[in-house]
Amino acid sequence: MVPRVLELTYTAHDLQAWGQSLAAYDPRPAADQGRPYTWNRERRAVLRAELDAYFARLYGLSRDELRYILDPRDVLGADYPSETFRVLKEGELRAHAEYRTRRLVLQAWDQQNNH
């Protein structure tokens, strides 16, 4: 978990003290450690999804409960009257032609389950 948090948060030189305090968790080659991570939107989406899946496990959720949290209609049908992350979902449908967060979180869940 800490390497993912480090990569998500250590993205600017003014955070060097933060990066150095977590250097032991930096999985990069020694030559890259101590430098901020490059901002990469796609990579950041994957890292956030991995953390979301991990925390869902810590809370004891099942895969179906996680699916429900991400999109109740995915579990209970299109006519279900409640939504959770409508703005996120609509924005991702426009930007990516899919609800990307849902897919990435469930992929991360499945990958964590296989390890």
PDB file of N, CA and C in Angstrom:
ATOM      1  N   MET A   1       0.825  -1.185   0.000  1.00  0.00           N
ATOM      2  CA  MET A   1       0.000   0.000   0.000  1.00  0.00           C
ATOM      3  C   MET A   1       0.877   1.259   0.000  1.00  0.00           C
ATOM      4  N   VAL A   2       1.908   1.305   0.823  1.00  0.00           N
ATOM      5  CA  VAL A   2       2.720   2.509   0.949  1.00  0.00           C
ATOM      6  C   VAL A   2       3.383   2.900  -0.372  1.00  0.00           C
ATOM      7  N   PRO A   3       3.924   1.952  -1.154  1.00  0.00           N
ATOM      8  CA  PRO A   3       4.502   2.369  -2.438  1.00  0.00           C
ATOM      9  C   PRO A   3       3.489   3.055  -3.352  1.00  0.00           C
ATOM     10  N   ARG A   4       2.237   2.627  -3.317  1.00  0.00           N
ATOM     11  CA  ARG A   4       1.206   3.246  -4.147  1.00  0.00           C
ATOM     12  C   ARG A   4       0.879   4.656  -3.650  1.00  0.00           C
ATOM     13  N   VAL A   5       0.763   4.801  -2.340  1.00  0.00           N
ATOM     14  CA  VAL A   5       0.506   6.125  -1.773  1.00  0.00           C
ATOM     15  C   VAL A   5       1.666   7.060  -2.080  1.00  0.00           C
ATOM     16  N   LEU A   6       2.880   6.557  -1.955  1.00  0.00           N
ATOM     17  CA  LEU A   6       4.053   7.371  -2.270  1.00  0.00           C
ATOM     18  C   LEU A   6       4.004   7.850  -3.713  1.00  0.00           C
ATOM     19  N   GLU A   7       3.720   6.935  -4.633  1.00  0.00           N
ATOM     20  CA  GLU A   7       3.676   7.313  -6.048  1.00  0.00           C
ATOM     21  C   GLU A   7       2.565   8.316  -6.342  1.00  0.00           C
ATOM     22  N   LEU A   8       1.447   8.184  -5.661  1.00  0.00           N
ATOM     23  CA  LEU A   8       0.341   9.113  -5.875  1.00  0.00           C
ATOM     24  C   LEU A   8       0.599  10.498  -5.276  1.00  0.00           C
ATOM     25  N   THR A   9       1.395  10.555  -4.229  1.00  0.00           N
ATOM     26  CA  THR A   9       1.546  11.825  -3.513  1.00  0.00           C
ATOM     27  C   THR A   9       2.863  12.544  -3.775  1.00  0.00           C
ATOM     28  N   TYR A  10       3.916  11.823  -4.085  1.00  0.00           N
ATOM     29  CA  TYR A  10       5.223  12.460  -4.270  1.00  0.00           C
ATOM     30  C   TYR A  10       5.406  12.805  -5.742  1.00  0.00           C
ATOM     31  N   THR A  11       4.835  13.938  -6.133  1.00  0.00           N
ATOM     32  CA  THR A  11       4.817  14.325  -7.550  1.00  0.00           C
ATOM     33  C   THR A  11       5.427  15.700  -7.805  1.00  0.00           C
ATOM     34  N   ALA A  12       6.041  16.277  -6.783  1.00  0.00           N
ATOM     35  CA  ALA A  12       6.639  17.611  -6.954  1.00  0.00           C
ATOM     36  C   ALA A  12       7.858  17.727  -6.053  1.00  0.00           C
ATOM     37  N   HIS A  13       8.809  18.533  -6.481  1.00  0.00           N
ATOM     38  CA  HIS A  13      10.058  18.698  -5.737  1.00  0.00           C
ATOM     39  C   HIS A  13       9.849  19.267  -4.333  1.00  0.00           C
ATOM     40  N   ASP A  14       8.799  20.071  -4.148  1.00  0.00           N
ATOM     41  CA  ASP A  14       8.579  20.637  -2.818  1.00  0.00           C
ATOM     42  C   ASP A  14       8.128  19.582  -1.802  1.00  0.00           C
ATOM     43  N   LEU A  15       7.902  18.356  -2.256  1.00  0.00           N
ATOM     44  CA  LEU A  15       7.542  17.253  -1.363  1.00  0.00           C
ATOM     45  C   LEU A  15       8.724  16.309  -1.125  1.00  0.00           C
ATOM     46  N   GLN A  16       9.932  16.803  -1.376  1.00  0.00           N
ATOM     47  CA  GLN A  16      11.110  15.951  -1.275  1.00  0.00           C
ATOM     48  C   GLN A  16      11.270  15.338   0.124  1.00  0.00           C
ATOM     49  N   ALA A  17      11.011  16.083   1.154  1.00  0.00           N
ATOM     50  CA  ALA A  17      11.130  15.542   2.515  1.00  0.00           C
ATOM     51  C   ALA A  17      10.183  14.360   2.700  1.00  0.00           C
ATOM     52  N   TRP A  18       8.976  14.495   2.170  1.00  0.00           N
ATOM     53  CA  TRP A  18       7.997  13.393   2.218  1.00  0.00           C
ATOM     54  C   TRP A  18       8.539  12.175   1.473  1.00  0.00           C
ATOM     55  N   GLY A  19       9.044  12.393   0.277  1.00  0.00           N
ATOM     56  CA  GLY A  19       9.591  11.301  -0.512  1.00  0.00           C
ATOM     57  C   GLY A  19      10.765  10.629   0.178  1.00  0.00           C
ATOM     58  N   GLN A  20      11.617  11.415   0.797  1.00  0.00           N
ATOM     59  CA  GLN A  20      12.772  10.854   1.500  1.00  0.00           C
ATOM     60  C   GLN A  20      12.349  10.063   2.731  1.00  0.00           C
ATOM     61  N   SER A  21      11.304  10.522   3.404  1.00  0.00           N
ATOM     62  CA  SER A  21      10.848   9.803   4.609  1.00  0.00           C
ATOM     63  C   SER A  21      10.272   8.432   4.264  1.00  0.00           C
ATOM     64  N   LEU A  22       9.855   8.266   3.009  1.00  0.00           N
ATOM     65  CA  LEU A  22       9.300   6.975   2.580  1.00  0.00           C
ATOM     66  C   LEU A  22      10.201   6.262   1.575  1.00  0.00           C
ATOM     67  N   ALA A  23      11.455   6.675   1.502  1.00  0.00           N
ATOM     68  CA  ALA A  23      12.381   6.111   0.509  1.00  0.00           C
ATOM     69  C   ALA A  23      12.514   4.600   0.623  1.00  0.00           C
ATOM     70  N   ALA A  24      12.395   4.058   1.807  1.00  0.00           N
ATOM     71  CA  ALA A  24      12.509   2.604   1.986  1.00  0.00           C
ATOM     72  C   ALA A  24      11.401   1.847   1.257  1.00  0.00           C
ATOM     73  N   TYR A  25      10.308   2.524   0.939  1.00  0.00           N
ATOM     74  CA  TYR A  25       9.176   1.903   0.252  1.00  0.00           C
ATOM     75  C   TYR A  25       9.166   2.182  -1.248  1.00  0.00           C
ATOM     76  N   ASP A  26      10.141   2.914  -1.719  1.00  0.00           N
ATOM     77  CA  ASP A  26      10.208   3.293  -3.132  1.00  0.00           C
ATOM     78  C   ASP A  26      10.764   2.121  -3.933  1.00  0.00           C
ATOM     79  N   PRO A  27       9.937   1.502  -4.780  1.00  0.00           N
ATOM     80  CA  PRO A  27      10.382   0.310  -5.513  1.00  0.00           C
ATOM     81  C   PRO A  27      11.233   0.609  -6.755  1.00  0.00           C
ATOM     82  N   ARG A  28      11.437   1.873  -7.044  1.00  0.00           N
ATOM     83  CA  ARG A  28      12.179   2.231  -8.256  1.00  0.00           C
ATOM     84  C   ARG A  28      13.665   1.939  -8.092  1.00  0.00           C
ATOM     85  N   PRO A  29      14.385   1.883  -9.204  1.00  0.00           N
ATOM     86  CA  PRO A  29      15.843   1.731  -9.114  1.00  0.00           C
ATOM     87  C   PRO A  29      16.446   2.860  -8.271  1.00  0.00           C
ATOM     88  N   ALA A  30      17.555   2.585  -7.627  1.00  0.00           N
ATOM     89  CA  ALA A  30      18.179   3.546  -6.718  1.00  0.00           C
ATOM     90  C   ALA A  30      18.408   4.907  -7.370  1.00  0.00           C
ATOM     91  N   ALA A  31      18.749   4.913  -8.649  1.00  0.00           N
ATOM     92  CA  ALA A  31      19.005   6.182  -9.345  1.00  0.00           C
ATOM     93  C   ALA A  31      17.763   7.067  -9.422  1.00  0.00           C
ATOM     94  N   ASP A  32      16.582   6.462  -9.398  1.00  0.00           N
ATOM     95  CA  ASP A  32      15.331   7.231  -9.488  1.00  0.00           C
ATOM     96  C   ASP A  32      14.765   7.608  -8.123  1.00  0.00           C
ATOM     97  N   GLN A  33      15.160   6.884  -7.094  1.00  0.00           N
ATOM     98  CA  GLN A  33      14.640   7.175  -5.762  1.00  0.00           C
ATOM     99  C   GLN A  33      15.072   8.569  -5.343  1.00  0.00           C
ATOM    100  N   GLY A  34      14.222   9.240  -4.638  1.00  0.00           N
ATOM    101  CA  GLY A  34      14.507  10.601  -4.207  1.00  0.00           C
ATOM    102  C   GLY A  34      13.979  11.651  -5.161  1.00  0.00           C
ATOM    103  N   ARG A  35      13.584  11.233  -6.348  1.00  0.00           N
ATOM    104  CA  ARG A  35      12.994  12.166  -7.319  1.00  0.00           C
ATOM    105  C   ARG A  35      11.478  12.003  -7.308  1.00  0.00           C
ATOM    106  N   PRO A  36      10.771  13.079  -7.569  1.00  0.00           N
ATOM    107  CA  PRO A  36       9.301  12.953  -7.650  1.00  0.00           C
ATOM    108  C   PRO A  36       8.898  12.000  -8.777  1.00  0.00           C
ATOM    109  N   TYR A  37       7.763  11.398  -8.583  1.00  0.00           N
ATOM    110  CA  TYR A  37       7.203  10.546  -9.630  1.00  0.00           C
ATOM    111  C   TYR A  37       6.646  11.419 -10.743  1.00  0.00           C
ATOM    112  N   THR A  38       6.700  10.909 -11.939  1.00  0.00           N
ATOM    113  CA  THR A  38       6.102  11.584 -13.084  1.00  0.00           C
ATOM    114  C   THR A  38       4.589  11.436 -13.005  1.00  0.00           C
ATOM    115  N   TRP A  39       3.898  12.527 -13.277  1.00  0.00           N
ATOM    116  CA  TRP A  39       2.429  12.509 -13.268  1.00  0.00           C
ATOM    117  C   TRP A  39       1.949  11.774 -14.511  1.00  0.00           C
ATOM    118  N   ASN A  40       1.268  10.675 -14.293  1.00  0.00           N
ATOM    119  CA  ASN A  40       0.752   9.855 -15.383  1.00  0.00           C
ATOM    120  C   ASN A  40      -0.691   9.502 -15.044  1.00  0.00           C
ATOM    121  N   ARG A  41      -1.622  10.123 -15.742  1.00  0.00           N
ATOM    122  CA  ARG A  41      -3.057   9.941 -15.423  1.00  0.00           C
ATOM    123  C   ARG A  41      -3.495   8.489 -15.431  1.00  0.00           C
ATOM    124  N   GLU A  42      -3.071   7.763 -16.447  1.00  0.00           N
ATOM    125  CA  GLU A  42      -3.492   6.361 -16.554  1.00  0.00           C
ATOM    126  C   GLU A  42      -2.946   5.542 -15.387  1.00  0.00           C
ATOM    127  N   ARG A  43      -1.690   5.733 -15.081  1.00  0.00           N
ATOM    128  CA  ARG A  43      -1.063   5.011 -13.969  1.00  0.00           C
ATOM    129  C   ARG A  43      -1.732   5.383 -12.650  1.00  0.00           C
ATOM    130  N   ARG A  44      -2.043   6.647 -12.466  1.00  0.00           N
ATOM    131  CA  ARG A  44      -2.688   7.095 -11.239  1.00  0.00           C
ATOM    132  C   ARG A  44      -4.074   6.470 -11.079  1.00  0.00           C
ATOM    133  N   ALA A  45      -4.800   6.321 -12.172  1.00  0.00           N
ATOM    134  CA  ALA A  45      -6.120   5.688 -12.110  1.00  0.00           C
ATOM    135  C   ALA A  45      -5.989   4.240 -11.643  1.00  0.00           C
ATOM    136  N   VAL A  46      -4.985   3.545 -12.135  1.00  0.00           N
ATOM    137  CA  VAL A  46      -4.758   2.152 -11.733  1.00  0.00           C
ATOM    138  C   VAL A  46      -4.373   2.084 -10.254  1.00  0.00           C
ATOM    139  N   LEU A  47      -3.485   2.958  -9.821  1.00  0.00           N
ATOM    140  CA  LEU A  47      -3.057   2.965  -8.415  1.00  0.00           C
ATOM    141  C   LEU A  47      -4.236   3.235  -7.478  1.00  0.00           C
ATOM    142  N   ARG A  48      -5.074   4.209  -7.835  1.00  0.00           N
ATOM    143  CA  ARG A  48      -6.249   4.506  -7.004  1.00  0.00           C
ATOM    144  C   ARG A  48      -7.195   3.303  -6.960  1.00  0.00           C
ATOM    145  N   ALA A  49      -7.365   2.645  -8.090  1.00  0.00           N
ATOM    146  CA  ALA A  49      -8.233   1.467  -8.141  1.00  0.00           C
ATOM    147  C   ALA A  49      -7.682   0.350  -7.265  1.00  0.00           C
ATOM    148  N   GLU A  50      -6.378   0.158  -7.296  1.00  0.00           N
ATOM    149  CA  GLU A  50      -5.763  -0.876  -6.453  1.00  0.00           C
ATOM    150  C   GLU A  50      -5.996  -0.567  -4.977  1.00  0.00           C
ATOM    151  N   LEU A  51      -5.852   0.696  -4.600  1.00  0.00           N
ATOM    152  CA  LEU A  51      -6.106   1.072  -3.212  1.00  0.00           C
ATOM    153  C   LEU A  51      -7.575   0.903  -2.849  1.00  0.00           C
ATOM    154  N   ASP A  52      -8.469   1.286  -3.746  1.00  0.00           N
ATOM    155  CA  ASP A  52      -9.910   1.110  -3.483  1.00  0.00           C
ATOM    156  C   ASP A  52     -10.231  -0.370  -3.244  1.00  0.00           C
ATOM    157  N   ALA A  53      -9.704  -1.240  -4.081  1.00  0.00           N
ATOM    158  CA  ALA A  53      -9.957  -2.673  -3.925  1.00  0.00           C
ATOM    159  C   ALA A  53      -9.368  -3.186  -2.617  1.00  0.00           C
ATOM    160  N   TYR A  54      -8.177  -2.728  -2.297  1.00  0.00           N
ATOM    161  CA  TYR A  54      -7.526  -3.153  -1.057  1.00  0.00           C
ATOM    162  C   TYR A  54      -8.355  -2.728   0.164  1.00  0.00           C
ATOM    163  N   PHE A  55      -8.814  -1.478   0.185  1.00  0.00           N
ATOM    164  CA  PHE A  55      -9.600  -1.006   1.319  1.00  0.00           C
ATOM    165  C   PHE A  55     -10.956  -1.716   1.395  1.00  0.00           C
ATOM    166  N   ALA A  56     -11.530  -2.041   0.263  1.00  0.00           N
ATOM    167  CA  ALA A  56     -12.781  -2.804   0.273  1.00  0.00           C
ATOM    168  C   ALA A  56     -12.562  -4.152   0.959  1.00  0.00           C
ATOM    169  N   ARG A  57     -11.438  -4.775   0.684  1.00  0.00           N
ATOM    170  CA  ARG A  57     -11.104  -6.041   1.353  1.00  0.00           C
ATOM    171  C   ARG A  57     -10.924  -5.839   2.854  1.00  0.00           C
ATOM    172  N   LEU A  58     -10.221  -4.763   3.223  1.00  0.00           N
ATOM    173  CA  LEU A  58     -10.018  -4.494   4.649  1.00  0.00           C
ATOM    174  C   LEU A  58     -11.343  -4.314   5.381  1.00  0.00           C
ATOM    175  N   TYR A  59     -12.318  -3.734   4.689  1.00  0.00           N
ATOM    176  CA  TYR A  59     -13.645  -3.560   5.283  1.00  0.00           C
ATOM    177  C   TYR A  59     -14.482  -4.830   5.226  1.00  0.00           C
ATOM    178  N   GLY A  60     -13.945  -5.881   4.637  1.00  0.00           N
ATOM    179  CA  GLY A  60     -14.644  -7.157   4.602  1.00  0.00           C
ATOM    180  C   GLY A  60     -15.728  -7.250   3.554  1.00  0.00           C
ATOM    181  N   LEU A  61     -15.668  -6.403   2.532  1.00  0.00           N
ATOM    182  CA  LEU A  61     -16.689  -6.439   1.488  1.00  0.00           C
ATOM    183  C   LEU A  61     -16.483  -7.628   0.561  1.00  0.00           C
ATOM    184  N   SER A  62     -17.566  -8.115   0.030  1.00  0.00           N
ATOM    185  CA  SER A  62     -17.499  -9.113  -1.032  1.00  0.00           C
ATOM    186  C   SER A  62     -17.387  -8.372  -2.367  1.00  0.00           C
ATOM    187  N   ARG A  63     -17.098  -9.118  -3.412  1.00  0.00           N
ATOM    188  CA  ARG A  63     -17.015  -8.506  -4.742  1.00  0.00           C
ATOM    189  C   ARG A  63     -18.354  -7.889  -5.128  1.00  0.00           C
ATOM    190  N   ASP A  64     -19.461  -8.579  -4.831  1.00  0.00           N
ATOM    191  CA  ASP A  64     -20.785  -8.046  -5.166  1.00  0.00           C
ATOM    192  C   ASP A  64     -21.107  -6.787  -4.354  1.00  0.00           C
ATOM    193  N   GLU A  65     -20.684  -6.748  -3.105  1.00  0.00           N
ATOM    194  CA  GLU A  65     -20.897  -5.532  -2.305  1.00  0.00           C
ATOM    195  C   GLU A  65     -20.092  -4.367  -2.879  1.00  0.00           C
ATOM    196  N   LEU A  66     -18.882  -4.658  -3.330  1.00  0.00           N
ATOM    197  CA  LEU A  66     -18.074  -3.621  -3.970  1.00  0.00           C
ATOM    198  C   LEU A  66     -18.730  -3.157  -5.266  1.00  0.00           C
ATOM    199  N   ARG A  67     -19.229  -4.098  -6.058  1.00  0.00           N
ATOM    200  CA  ARG A  67     -19.952  -3.736  -7.288  1.00  0.00           C
ATOM    201  C   ARG A  67     -21.133  -2.835  -6.953  1.00  0.00           C
ATOM    202  N   TYR A  68     -21.861  -3.162  -5.897  1.00  0.00           N
ATOM    203  CA  TYR A  68     -23.013  -2.366  -5.490  1.00  0.00           C
ATOM    204  C   TYR A  68     -22.586  -0.940  -5.128  1.00  0.00           C
ATOM    205  N   ILE A  69     -21.505  -0.815  -4.378  1.00  0.00           N
ATOM    206  CA  ILE A  69     -21.027   0.516  -3.987  1.00  0.00           C
ATOM    207  C   ILE A  69     -20.653   1.328  -5.221  1.00  0.00           C
ATOM    208  N   LEU A  70     -19.968   0.697  -6.160  1.00  0.00           N
ATOM    209  CA  LEU A  70     -19.540   1.400  -7.369  1.00  0.00           C
ATOM    210  C   LEU A  70     -20.718   1.781  -8.256  1.00  0.00           C
ATOM    211  N   ASP A  71     -21.719   0.894  -8.347  1.00  0.00           N
ATOM    212  CA  ASP A  71     -22.879   1.163  -9.206  1.00  0.00           C
ATOM    213  C   ASP A  71     -24.011   0.216  -8.825  1.00  0.00           C
ATOM    214  N   PRO A  72     -24.935   0.661  -7.952  1.00  0.00           N
ATOM    215  CA  PRO A  72     -26.019  -0.219  -7.509  1.00  0.00           C
ATOM    216  C   PRO A  72     -26.812  -0.839  -8.659  1.00  0.00           C
ATOM    217  N   ARG A  73     -26.934  -0.123  -9.751  1.00  0.00           N
ATOM    218  CA  ARG A  73     -27.694  -0.641 -10.891  1.00  0.00           C
ATOM    219  C   ARG A  73     -27.008  -1.841 -11.534  1.00  0.00           C
ATOM    220  N   ASP A  74     -25.710  -1.926 -11.385  1.00  0.00           N
ATOM    221  CA  ASP A  74     -24.964  -3.061 -11.910  1.00  0.00           C
ATOM    222  C   ASP A  74     -25.385  -4.353 -11.205  1.00  0.00           C
ATOM    223  N   VAL A  75     -25.805  -4.238  -9.950  1.00  0.00           N
ATOM    224  CA  VAL A  75     -26.189  -5.402  -9.153  1.00  0.00           C
ATOM    225  C   VAL A  75     -27.703  -5.600  -9.153  1.00  0.00           C
ATOM    226  N   LEU A  76     -28.445  -4.503  -9.030  1.00  0.00           N
ATOM    227  CA  LEU A  76     -29.893  -4.593  -8.826  1.00  0.00           C
ATOM    228  C   LEU A  76     -30.724  -4.268 -10.063  1.00  0.00           C
ATOM    229  N   GLY A  77     -30.083  -3.961 -11.168  1.00  0.00           N
ATOM    230  CA  GLY A  77     -30.799  -3.712 -12.408  1.00  0.00           C
ATOM    231  C   GLY A  77     -30.904  -2.243 -12.762  1.00  0.00           C
ATOM    232  N   ALA A  78     -31.106  -1.994 -14.040  1.00  0.00           N
ATOM    233  CA  ALA A  78     -31.126  -0.631 -14.580  1.00  0.00           C
ATOM    234  C   ALA A  78     -32.245   0.228 -14.004  1.00  0.00           C
ATOM    235  N   ASP A  79     -33.312  -0.382 -13.517  1.00  0.00           N
ATOM    236  CA  ASP A  79     -34.427   0.401 -12.982  1.00  0.00           C
ATOM    237  C   ASP A  79     -34.268   0.722 -11.496  1.00  0.00           C
ATOM    238  N   TYR A  80     -33.152   0.303 -10.892  1.00  0.00           N
ATOM    239  CA  TYR A  80     -32.931   0.619  -9.476  1.00  0.00           C
ATOM    240  C   TYR A  80     -32.814   2.140  -9.330  1.00  0.00           C
ATOM    241  N   PRO A  81     -33.513   2.739  -8.362  1.00  0.00           N
ATOM    242  CA  PRO A  81     -33.612   4.208  -8.307  1.00  0.00           C
ATOM    243  C   PRO A  81     -32.419   4.943  -7.689  1.00  0.00           C
ATOM    244  N   SER A  82     -31.442   4.241  -7.166  1.00  0.00           N
ATOM    245  CA  SER A  82     -30.345   4.918  -6.483  1.00  0.00           C
ATOM    246  C   SER A  82     -29.047   4.857  -7.290  1.00  0.00           C
ATOM    247  N   GLU A  83     -28.221   5.894  -7.098  1.00  0.00           N
ATOM    248  CA  GLU A  83     -26.899   5.941  -7.721  1.00  0.00           C
ATOM    249  C   GLU A  83     -25.898   6.366  -6.658  1.00  0.00           C
ATOM    250  N   THR A  84     -24.650   5.977  -6.837  1.00  0.00           N
ATOM    251  CA  THR A  84     -23.638   6.378  -5.875  1.00  0.00           C
ATOM    252  C   THR A  84     -22.685   7.415  -6.463  1.00  0.00           C
ATOM    253  N   PHE A  85     -22.040   7.106  -7.551  1.00  0.00           N
ATOM    254  CA  PHE A  85     -21.032   7.997  -8.123  1.00  0.00           C
ATOM    255  C   PHE A  85     -21.458   8.474  -9.515  1.00  0.00           C
ATOM    256  N   ARG A  86     -22.651   9.043  -9.581  1.00  0.00           N
ATOM    257  CA  ARG A  86     -23.227   9.443 -10.861  1.00  0.00           C
ATOM    258  C   ARG A  86     -22.332  10.401 -11.631  1.00  0.00           C
ATOM    259  N   VAL A  87     -21.804  11.422 -10.969  1.00  0.00           N
ATOM    260  CA  VAL A  87     -20.990  12.422 -11.657  1.00  0.00           C
ATOM    261  C   VAL A  87     -19.705  11.781 -12.189  1.00  0.00           C
ATOM    262  N   LEU A  88     -19.071  10.964 -11.374  1.00  0.00           N
ATOM    263  CA  LEU A  88     -17.871  10.262 -11.819  1.00  0.00           C
ATOM    264  C   LEU A  88     -18.184   9.367 -13.008  1.00  0.00           C
ATOM    265  N   LYS A  89     -19.236   8.581 -12.884  1.00  0.00           N
ATOM    266  CA  LYS A  89     -19.615   7.658 -13.948  1.00  0.00           C
ATOM    267  C   LYS A  89     -19.913   8.411 -15.247  1.00  0.00           C
ATOM    268  N   GLU A  90     -20.715   9.462 -15.164  1.00  0.00           N
ATOM    269  CA  GLU A  90     -21.063  10.218 -16.374  1.00  0.00           C
ATOM    270  C   GLU A  90     -19.827  10.853 -17.005  1.00  0.00           C
ATOM    271  N   GLY A  91     -18.938  11.399 -16.179  1.00  0.00           N
ATOM    272  CA  GLY A  91     -17.714  12.000 -16.697  1.00  0.00           C
ATOM    273  C   GLY A  91     -16.821  10.976 -17.384  1.00  0.00           C
ATOM    274  N   GLU A  92     -16.722   9.805 -16.801  1.00  0.00           N
ATOM    275  CA  GLU A  92     -15.894   8.764 -17.406  1.00  0.00           C
ATOM    276  C   GLU A  92     -16.535   8.197 -18.672  1.00  0.00           C
ATOM    277  N   LEU A  93     -17.848   8.117 -18.699  1.00  0.00           N
ATOM    278  CA  LEU A  93     -18.511   7.665 -19.930  1.00  0.00           C
ATOM    279  C   LEU A  93     -18.229   8.642 -21.070  1.00  0.00           C
ATOM    280  N   ARG A  94     -18.237   9.938 -20.761  1.00  0.00           N
ATOM    281  CA  ARG A  94     -17.914  10.939 -21.786  1.00  0.00           C
ATOM    282  C   ARG A  94     -16.443  10.861 -22.198  1.00  0.00           C
ATOM    283  N   ALA A  95     -15.561  10.760 -21.224  1.00  0.00           N
ATOM    284  CA  ALA A  95     -14.120  10.811 -21.501  1.00  0.00           C
ATOM    285  C   ALA A  95     -13.543   9.508 -22.031  1.00  0.00           C
ATOM    286  N   HIS A  96     -14.097   8.376 -21.570  1.00  0.00           N
ATOM    287  CA  HIS A  96     -13.490   7.080 -21.883  1.00  0.00           C
ATOM    288  C   HIS A  96     -14.451   6.083 -22.527  1.00  0.00           C
ATOM    289  N   ALA A  97     -15.691   6.495 -22.721  1.00  0.00           N
ATOM    290  CA  ALA A  97     -16.729   5.622 -23.280  1.00  0.00           C
ATOM    291  C   ALA A  97     -16.963   4.388 -22.411  1.00  0.00           C
ATOM    292  N   GLU A  98     -16.650   4.501 -21.132  1.00  0.00           N
ATOM    293  CA  GLU A  98     -16.901   3.431 -20.157  1.00  0.00           C
ATOM    294  C   GLU A  98     -16.798   4.027 -18.767  1.00  0.00           C
ATOM    295  N   TYR A  99     -17.328   3.309 -17.801  1.00  0.00           N
ATOM    296  CA  TYR A  99     -17.168   3.670 -16.393  1.00  0.00           C
ATOM    297  C   TYR A  99     -15.847   3.034 -15.958  1.00  0.00           C
ATOM    298  N   ARG A 100     -14.768   3.726 -16.266  1.00  0.00           N
ATOM    299  CA  ARG A 100     -13.415   3.201 -16.113  1.00  0.00           C
ATOM    300  C   ARG A 100     -13.077   2.841 -14.665  1.00  0.00           C
ATOM    301  N   THR A 101     -13.473   3.677 -13.727  1.00  0.00           N
ATOM    302  CA  THR A 101     -13.165   3.393 -12.323  1.00  0.00           C
ATOM    303  C   THR A 101     -13.741   2.053 -11.911  1.00  0.00           C
ATOM    304  N   ARG A 102     -14.966   1.790 -12.280  1.00  0.00           N
ATOM    305  CA  ARG A 102     -15.592   0.510 -11.941  1.00  0.00           C
ATOM    306  C   ARG A 102     -14.770  -0.643 -12.494  1.00  0.00           C
ATOM    307  N   ARG A 103     -14.408  -0.559 -13.767  1.00  0.00           N
ATOM    308  CA  ARG A 103     -13.634  -1.638 -14.391  1.00  0.00           C
ATOM    309  C   ARG A 103     -12.287  -1.812 -13.704  1.00  0.00           C
ATOM    310  N   LEU A 104     -11.585  -0.712 -13.465  1.00  0.00           N
ATOM    311  CA  LEU A 104     -10.256  -0.804 -12.859  1.00  0.00           C
ATOM    312  C   LEU A 104     -10.306  -1.343 -11.427  1.00  0.00           C
ATOM    313  N   VAL A 105     -11.279  -0.912 -10.653  1.00  0.00           N
ATOM    314  CA  VAL A 105     -11.392  -1.391  -9.273  1.00  0.00           C
ATOM    315  C   VAL A 105     -11.705  -2.887  -9.260  1.00  0.00           C
ATOM    316  N   LEU A 106     -12.621  -3.314 -10.096  1.00  0.00           N
ATOM    317  CA  LEU A 106     -12.961  -4.741 -10.119  1.00  0.00           C
ATOM    318  C   LEU A 106     -11.810  -5.579 -10.679  1.00  0.00           C
ATOM    319  N   GLN A 107     -11.068  -5.051 -11.641  1.00  0.00           N
ATOM    320  CA  GLN A 107      -9.871  -5.758 -12.120  1.00  0.00           C
ATOM    321  C   GLN A 107      -8.855  -5.893 -11.001  1.00  0.00           C
ATOM    322  N   ALA A 108      -8.642  -4.825 -10.265  1.00  0.00           N
ATOM    323  CA  ALA A 108      -7.696  -4.870  -9.148  1.00  0.00           C
ATOM    324  C   ALA A 108      -8.159  -5.872  -8.096  1.00  0.00           C
ATOM    325  N   TRP A 109      -9.453  -5.875  -7.819  1.00  0.00           N
ATOM    326  CA  TRP A 109     -10.022  -6.838  -6.864  1.00  0.00           C
ATOM    327  C   TRP A 109      -9.709  -8.265  -7.323  1.00  0.00           C
ATOM    328  N   ASP A 110      -9.976  -8.539  -8.576  1.00  0.00           N
ATOM    329  CA  ASP A 110      -9.747  -9.879  -9.115  1.00  0.00           C
ATOM    330  C   ASP A 110      -8.265 -10.254  -9.081  1.00  0.00           C
ATOM    331  N   GLN A 111      -7.403  -9.324  -9.416  1.00  0.00           N
ATOM    332  CA  GLN A 111      -5.959  -9.590  -9.394  1.00  0.00           C
ATOM    333  C   GLN A 111      -5.487  -9.838  -7.965  1.00  0.00           C
ATOM    334  N   GLN A 112      -5.980  -9.078  -7.018  1.00  0.00           N
ATOM    335  CA  GLN A 112      -5.590  -9.281  -5.624  1.00  0.00           C
ATOM    336  C   GLN A 112      -6.097 -10.617  -5.110  1.00  0.00           C
ATOM    337  N   ASN A 113      -7.234 -11.029  -5.600  1.00  0.00           N
ATOM    338  CA  ASN A 113      -7.810 -12.305  -5.206  1.00  0.00           C
ATOM    339  C   ASN A 113      -6.978 -13.472  -5.723  1.00  0.00           C
ATOM    340  N   ASN A 114      -6.290 -13.283  -6.832  1.00  0.00           N
ATOM    341  CA  ASN A 114      -5.492 -14.356  -7.431  1.00  0.00           C
ATOM    342  C   ASN A 114      -4.086 -14.423  -6.860  1.00  0.00           C
ATOM    343  N   HIS A 115      -3.730 -13.495  -5.971  1.00  0.00           N
ATOM    344  CA  HIS A 115      -2.382 -13.514  -5.396  1.00  0.00           C
ATOM    345  C   HIS A 115      -2.387 -13.933  -3.961  1.00  0.00           C
TER     346      HIS A 115
END
